[in-house]
Amino acid sequence: MSRIGKQPVQIPAGVTITVGEQIITVAGPKGSLEVPVQENVVVTIEDGKAIVTRKDDEPKSRSWHGLQRALLNNAVIGVTQGFEKKLEINGVGYRLSGGPKEIEMSLGFSHPVKYSAPEGVELKTNKMEIIVSGIDKQKVGQTAAEIRAFKKPEPYKGKGIKYADEVILRKAGKAGKK
């Protein structure tokens, strides 16, 4: 039995879950999300909890069991609290400006780098920090990864764009001759 899949998803007050044939709709105070229904997995709502069970014990059904529960739980958290990722820009001459939908970065290239956020994702800038927020965990993570990919942190001076909680392993420079 899946350790993740057998845990029920708590449904907080103000959140409604509608289970359909192919899609589960989760609506809350921050918006609504749709979660696809996996094959051989059944989702039932009872006593303020969403319970995910599987129809058979096939390997594919077992793997989808935990996935379905995790996707449903992420949707519930997203419509109540939302998700956010913080990115930091380190480097001499690197600049950052922009608003909730588009940012412009000077990252040492011959041209400024512009990035437009996808629908449902908001970008906030604070000096040398970018905060990516939204209700869909996948979109927030993907947006943060795309921004980080413009200039990944390098191991010698640590210049580039990194996640706020990321640790950059530093390398020693040239040893030189004696």
Protein backbone atom coordinates (compact mmCIF):
# COMPACT_ATOMS: atom_id res chain seq x y z
CA MET A 1 0.00 0.00 0.00
CA SER A 2 1.29 3.44 -0.87
CA ARG A 3 2.32 5.37 2.22
CA ILE A 4 1.37 8.66 0.59
CA GLY A 5 -1.73 7.36 -1.19
CA LYS A 6 -3.42 5.89 1.88
CA GLN A 7 -3.37 9.20 3.78
CA PRO A 8 -6.64 11.13 3.40
CA VAL A 9 -6.55 14.72 2.10
CA GLN A 10 -8.08 17.12 4.64
CA ILE A 11 -10.54 19.53 3.02
CA PRO A 12 -10.42 22.89 4.86
CA ALA A 13 -13.44 25.18 5.25
CA GLY A 14 -14.13 27.21 2.11
CA VAL A 15 -12.77 24.55 -0.27
CA THR A 16 -15.05 22.48 -2.49
CA ILE A 17 -13.95 19.40 -4.39
CA THR A 18 -16.03 18.14 -7.30
CA VAL A 19 -15.12 14.67 -8.58
CA GLY A 20 -15.94 14.12 -12.25
CA GLU A 21 -15.30 11.29 -14.71
CA GLN A 22 -11.97 12.64 -16.02
CA ILE A 23 -11.27 15.77 -13.91
CA ILE A 24 -11.39 16.71 -10.24
CA THR A 25 -12.15 20.41 -9.69
CA VAL A 26 -10.82 22.04 -6.51
CA ALA A 27 -12.19 25.52 -5.76
CA GLY A 28 -11.14 27.75 -2.88
CA PRO A 29 -10.61 31.34 -1.81
CA LYS A 30 -7.59 31.92 -4.12
CA GLY A 31 -9.14 30.34 -7.24
CA SER A 32 -9.84 26.93 -8.74
CA LEU A 33 -7.65 24.18 -10.15
CA GLU A 34 -8.35 21.05 -12.18
CA VAL A 35 -6.62 17.76 -11.43
CA PRO A 36 -6.79 14.91 -13.97
CA VAL A 37 -8.13 11.57 -12.71
CA GLN A 38 -5.57 8.78 -13.09
CA GLU A 39 -6.51 5.35 -14.44
CA ASN A 40 -7.55 2.67 -11.92
CA VAL A 41 -7.75 5.22 -9.08
CA VAL A 42 -10.98 6.24 -7.33
CA VAL A 43 -11.43 9.46 -5.34
CA THR A 44 -14.29 9.70 -2.84
CA ILE A 45 -15.30 12.57 -0.54
CA GLU A 46 -16.54 11.74 2.97
CA ASP A 47 -16.52 13.57 6.33
CA GLY A 48 -14.48 16.55 5.05
CA LYS A 49 -11.76 14.29 3.67
CA ALA A 50 -10.85 13.14 0.18
CA ILE A 51 -9.89 9.47 0.16
CA VAL A 52 -7.91 8.00 -2.73
CA THR A 53 -8.14 4.26 -3.37
CA ARG A 54 -7.05 2.06 -6.25
CA LYS A 55 -9.09 -0.53 -8.11
CA ASP A 56 -6.43 -3.25 -8.37
CA ASP A 57 -2.90 -4.03 -7.23
CA GLU A 58 -1.12 -3.69 -10.58
CA PRO A 59 2.26 -1.87 -10.50
CA LYS A 60 0.92 1.04 -12.59
CA SER A 61 -2.10 1.43 -10.34
CA ARG A 62 0.14 1.45 -7.26
CA SER A 63 2.31 4.21 -8.70
CA TRP A 64 -0.71 6.31 -9.75
CA HIS A 65 -2.26 5.91 -6.28
CA GLY A 66 0.35 8.09 -4.55
CA LEU A 67 0.53 10.49 -7.51
CA GLN A 68 -3.23 11.12 -7.47
CA ARG A 69 -3.20 11.86 -3.74
CA ALA A 70 -0.18 14.20 -4.05
CA LEU A 71 -1.73 16.13 -6.97
CA LEU A 72 -5.01 16.50 -5.07
CA ASN A 73 -3.25 17.64 -1.89
CA ASN A 74 -1.17 20.19 -3.84
CA ALA A 75 -4.36 21.57 -5.41
CA VAL A 76 -6.00 21.95 -1.98
CA ILE A 77 -2.91 23.73 -0.57
CA GLY A 78 -2.70 25.91 -3.70
CA VAL A 79 -6.29 27.21 -3.54
CA THR A 80 -6.00 27.95 0.21
CA GLN A 81 -2.41 29.19 0.76
CA GLY A 82 -0.72 29.26 -2.64
CA PHE A 83 2.91 28.43 -3.43
CA GLU A 84 5.99 30.59 -3.78
CA LYS A 85 9.64 30.19 -4.72
CA LYS A 86 12.35 32.74 -4.02
CA LEU A 87 15.28 33.32 -6.36
CA GLU A 88 18.36 35.42 -5.61
CA ILE A 89 20.58 37.19 -8.15
CA ASN A 90 24.28 37.46 -7.24
CA GLY A 91 26.91 39.22 -9.34
CA VAL A 92 28.58 42.56 -9.94
CA GLY A 93 26.59 44.64 -12.42
CA TYR A 94 23.55 42.35 -12.38
CA ARG A 95 20.28 44.31 -12.22
CA LEU A 96 16.62 43.43 -11.84
CA SER A 97 13.42 45.39 -12.53
CA GLY A 98 9.82 44.65 -13.39
CA GLY A 99 6.32 44.06 -12.17
CA PRO A 100 3.83 41.30 -11.57
CA LYS A 101 3.75 39.91 -15.13
CA GLU A 102 7.13 40.74 -16.70
CA ILE A 103 10.66 41.24 -15.40
CA GLU A 104 13.81 42.56 -17.06
CA MET A 105 17.24 41.40 -15.94
CA SER A 106 20.76 42.55 -16.77
CA LEU A 107 22.86 39.40 -16.35
CA GLY A 108 26.15 40.32 -18.00
CA PHE A 109 24.97 39.64 -21.54
CA SER A 110 25.13 42.26 -24.31
CA HIS A 111 21.35 42.64 -24.06
CA PRO A 112 18.79 42.71 -21.23
CA VAL A 113 16.88 39.48 -20.61
CA LYS A 114 13.08 39.83 -20.49
CA TYR A 115 10.78 37.18 -19.05
CA SER A 116 6.96 37.14 -19.14
CA ALA A 117 5.17 35.03 -16.54
CA PRO A 118 2.60 32.45 -17.69
CA GLU A 119 -1.08 32.80 -16.78
CA GLY A 120 -1.70 32.28 -13.06
CA VAL A 121 1.86 33.10 -11.95
CA GLU A 122 2.93 36.41 -10.40
CA LEU A 123 6.48 37.79 -10.20
CA LYS A 124 7.56 40.20 -7.45
CA THR A 125 10.96 41.88 -7.39
CA ASN A 126 12.75 43.12 -4.29
CA LYS A 127 16.26 44.50 -4.94
CA MET A 128 18.13 41.36 -6.04
CA GLU A 129 15.37 38.85 -5.22
CA ILE A 130 12.57 37.43 -7.37
CA ILE A 131 9.50 35.90 -5.70
CA VAL A 132 7.49 33.59 -7.97
CA SER A 133 4.00 32.90 -6.58
CA GLY A 134 0.76 31.27 -7.71
CA ILE A 135 -1.78 28.59 -6.89
CA ASP A 136 -0.46 25.87 -9.24
CA LYS A 137 2.65 24.23 -7.77
CA GLN A 138 3.82 22.89 -11.15
CA LYS A 139 3.59 26.29 -12.88
CA VAL A 140 5.39 28.07 -10.01
CA GLY A 141 8.23 25.53 -10.04
CA GLN A 142 8.52 25.57 -13.83
CA THR A 143 8.61 29.38 -13.94
CA ALA A 144 11.31 29.51 -11.25
CA ALA A 145 13.37 26.90 -13.13
CA GLU A 146 13.07 28.85 -16.41
CA ILE A 147 14.24 32.08 -14.75
CA ARG A 148 17.15 30.26 -13.06
CA ALA A 149 18.18 28.75 -16.42
CA PHE A 150 19.03 32.20 -17.83
CA LYS A 151 22.20 32.33 -15.69
CA LYS A 152 22.85 29.32 -13.46
CA PRO A 153 25.18 29.96 -10.51
CA GLU A 154 28.82 29.21 -11.26
CA PRO A 155 31.03 27.41 -8.69
CA TYR A 156 33.97 29.85 -8.49
CA LYS A 157 32.39 33.14 -7.42
CA GLY A 158 28.76 32.05 -7.04
CA LYS A 159 27.52 34.53 -9.67
CA GLY A 160 24.16 33.86 -11.26
CA ILE A 161 20.54 33.15 -10.30
CA LYS A 162 19.97 30.63 -7.50
CA TYR A 163 17.10 29.48 -5.32
CA ALA A 164 17.07 31.20 -1.93
CA ASP A 165 17.59 27.91 -0.06
CA GLU A 166 20.13 26.51 -2.58
CA VAL A 167 23.73 25.99 -1.44
CA ILE A 168 26.40 26.59 -4.09
CA LEU A 169 29.43 24.35 -3.59
CA ARG A 170 32.44 26.58 -4.19
CA LYS A 171 35.63 25.48 -5.95
CA ALA A 172 39.12 26.80 -5.32
CA GLY A 173 40.64 28.83 -8.14
CA LYS A 174 43.98 28.16 -9.78
CA ALA A 175 46.70 27.08 -7.38
CA GLY A 176 49.48 28.97 -9.19
CA LYS A 177 53.21 28.16 -9.39
CA LYS A 178 55.71 28.44 -6.57
